C-alpha atoms as a PDB file:
ATOM      1  CA  MET A   1     126.470 135.121 119.588  1.00  0.00           C
ATOM      2  CA  GLU A   2     124.911 136.758 122.750  1.00  0.00           C
ATOM      3  CA  ILE A   3     123.071 134.471 124.802  1.00  0.00           C
ATOM      4  CA  GLU A   4     119.974 136.661 124.784  1.00  0.00           C
ATOM      5  CA  ALA A   5     119.916 136.155 120.861  1.00  0.00           C
ATOM      6  CA  ILE A   6     119.948 132.227 121.491  1.00  0.00           C
ATOM      7  CA  GLU A   7     117.488 132.380 123.665  1.00  0.00           C
ATOM      8  CA  GLU A   8     115.033 134.707 122.100  1.00  0.00           C
ATOM      9  CA  LEU A   9     115.769 132.414 118.845  1.00  0.00           C
ATOM     10  CA  ILE A  10     114.732 129.051 120.342  1.00  0.00           C
ATOM     11  CA  GLU A  11     111.499 130.685 122.175  1.00  0.00           C
ATOM     12  CA  SER A  12     110.111 132.588 119.181  1.00  0.00           C
ATOM     13  CA  ASN A  13     110.456 129.010 117.280  1.00  0.00           C
ATOM     14  CA  ILE A  14     109.504 126.604 119.242  1.00  0.00           C
ATOM     15  CA  GLU A  15     105.927 126.837 120.857  1.00  0.00           C
ATOM     16  CA  ASP A  16     105.519 128.461 124.551  1.00  0.00           C
ATOM     17  CA  ALA A  17     109.345 127.760 125.086  1.00  0.00           C
ATOM     18  CA  ASP A  18     111.397 128.837 128.027  1.00  0.00           C
ATOM     19  CA  ALA A  19     115.056 128.724 127.130  1.00  0.00           C
ATOM     20  CA  THR A  20     117.848 129.143 129.351  1.00  0.00           C
ATOM     21  CA  VAL A  21     121.479 129.163 127.950  1.00  0.00           C
ATOM     22  CA  SER A  22     124.679 129.529 129.490  1.00  0.00           C
ATOM     23  CA  ARG A  23     128.348 129.177 128.570  1.00  0.00           C
ATOM     24  CA  PRO A  24     129.799 126.060 130.082  1.00  0.00           C
ATOM     25  CA  ARG A  25     133.330 126.642 129.842  1.00  0.00           C
ATOM     26  CA  THR A  26     135.259 129.628 130.320  1.00  0.00           C
ATOM     27  CA  VAL A  27     135.485 131.995 127.129  1.00  0.00           C
ATOM     28  CA  ASP A  28     139.453 131.437 125.998  1.00  0.00           C
ATOM     29  CA  GLU A  29     139.694 134.498 123.611  1.00  0.00           C
ATOM     30  CA  ASP A  30     142.516 133.081 121.600  1.00  0.00           C
ATOM     31  CA  HIS A  31     140.510 130.427 120.554  1.00  0.00           C
ATOM     32  CA  GLU A  32     137.055 130.097 118.636  1.00  0.00           C
ATOM     33  CA  ASP A  33     135.041 128.788 121.826  1.00  0.00           C
ATOM     34  CA  ASP A  34     131.246 129.313 120.708  1.00  0.00           C
ATOM     35  CA  HIS A  35     130.207 126.039 123.162  1.00  0.00           C
ATOM     36  CA  TYR A  36     126.764 126.704 124.723  1.00  0.00           C
ATOM     37  CA  ALA A  37     124.617 124.931 127.066  1.00  0.00           C
ATOM     38  CA  ALA A  38     120.874 125.387 127.105  1.00  0.00           C
ATOM     39  CA  VAL A  39     117.718 123.933 129.164  1.00  0.00           C
ATOM     40  CA  VAL A  40     114.331 124.097 126.723  1.00  0.00           C
ATOM     41  CA  VAL A  41     111.113 123.271 128.320  1.00  0.00           C
ATOM     42  CA  SER A  42     108.338 123.312 125.860  1.00  0.00           C
ATOM     43  CA  PRO A  43     104.781 121.769 125.669  1.00  0.00           C
ATOM     44  CA  ALA A  44     105.884 121.337 121.418  1.00  0.00           C
ATOM     45  CA  PHE A  45     108.210 118.291 123.086  1.00  0.00           C
ATOM     46  CA  GLU A  46     105.252 116.106 123.869  1.00  0.00           C
ATOM     47  CA  GLY A  47     105.573 112.860 122.313  1.00  0.00           C
ATOM     48  CA  GLU A  48     108.612 113.197 120.733  1.00  0.00           C
ATOM     49  CA  SER A  49     111.641 111.359 120.931  1.00  0.00           C
ATOM     50  CA  LEU A  50     114.683 113.147 122.768  1.00  0.00           C
ATOM     51  CA  VAL A  51     116.360 113.421 118.959  1.00  0.00           C
ATOM     52  CA  GLN A  52     113.152 115.107 118.117  1.00  0.00           C
ATOM     53  CA  GLN A  53     113.663 117.500 120.517  1.00  0.00           C
ATOM     54  CA  HIS A  54     116.675 118.492 119.997  1.00  0.00           C
ATOM     55  CA  GLN A  55     115.877 118.687 116.026  1.00  0.00           C
ATOM     56  CA  LEU A  56     113.541 121.346 117.350  1.00  0.00           C
ATOM     57  CA  VAL A  57     116.081 123.059 118.935  1.00  0.00           C
ATOM     58  CA  TYR A  58     118.588 122.924 116.151  1.00  0.00           C
ATOM     59  CA  ASP A  59     115.803 123.973 113.443  1.00  0.00           C
ATOM     60  CA  ALA A  60     114.993 126.900 115.490  1.00  0.00           C
ATOM     61  CA  LEU A  61     118.734 127.547 115.877  1.00  0.00           C
ATOM     62  CA  GLY A  62     118.935 127.812 112.002  1.00  0.00           C
ATOM     63  CA  ASP A  63     122.061 128.635 110.386  1.00  0.00           C
ATOM     64  CA  HIS A  64     123.811 129.767 113.698  1.00  0.00           C
ATOM     65  CA  MET A  65     124.403 126.283 114.370  1.00  0.00           C
ATOM     66  CA  THR A  66     126.638 126.329 111.558  1.00  0.00           C
ATOM     67  CA  THR A  67     128.188 130.230 111.568  1.00  0.00           C
ATOM     68  CA  ASP A  68     128.154 131.462 115.224  1.00  0.00           C
ATOM     69  CA  ILE A  69     127.603 128.135 117.370  1.00  0.00           C
ATOM     70  CA  HIS A  70     130.384 125.543 117.138  1.00  0.00           C
ATOM     71  CA  ALA A  71     128.506 123.033 120.050  1.00  0.00           C
ATOM     72  CA  MET A  72     125.625 123.123 121.918  1.00  0.00           C
ATOM     73  CA  GLU A  73     124.567 121.041 124.971  1.00  0.00           C
ATOM     74  CA  LEU A  74     120.971 120.683 125.144  1.00  0.00           C
ATOM     75  CA  LYS A  75     118.564 119.374 128.081  1.00  0.00           C
ATOM     76  CA  THR A  76     115.287 119.322 126.937  1.00  0.00           C
ATOM     77  CA  TYR A  77     112.097 118.900 128.851  1.00  0.00           C
ATOM     78  CA  THR A  78     108.151 119.074 128.734  1.00  0.00           C
ATOM     79  CA  PRO A  79     106.883 121.221 131.457  1.00  0.00           C
ATOM     80  CA  GLU A  80     105.534 118.090 133.366  1.00  0.00           C
ATOM     81  CA  GLU A  81     109.071 116.364 133.036  1.00  0.00           C
ATOM     82  CA  TYR A  82     110.727 120.047 134.238  1.00  0.00           C
ATOM     83  CA  ALA A  83     108.275 120.198 137.102  1.00  0.00           C
ATOM     84  CA  ALA A  84     109.317 116.722 138.415  1.00  0.00           C
ATOM     85  CA  LEU A  85     112.805 117.511 138.745  1.00  0.00           C
ATOM     86  CA  ASP A  86     111.898 119.632 141.675  1.00  0.00           C
ATOM     87  CA  GLU A  87     110.327 116.677 143.492  1.00  0.00           C
END
């Protein structure tokens, strides 16, 4: 699955989300290696537990989590939390 398609799914299914997806491991063409990492920032995460935030992302990805994506390393933030990282 293309990185841009994953970002689009997340951004279109979570309110005001900004998603940055990458491949944290070197792709091994001889093995299925559909591992991704995502940083997702959205006001929709406000008041939600970390588990609930991650569930919102998994829900946004739908069936792709069982067909096209083997693993997804997630970091989720509200806009305020993300801005505080630079301080």
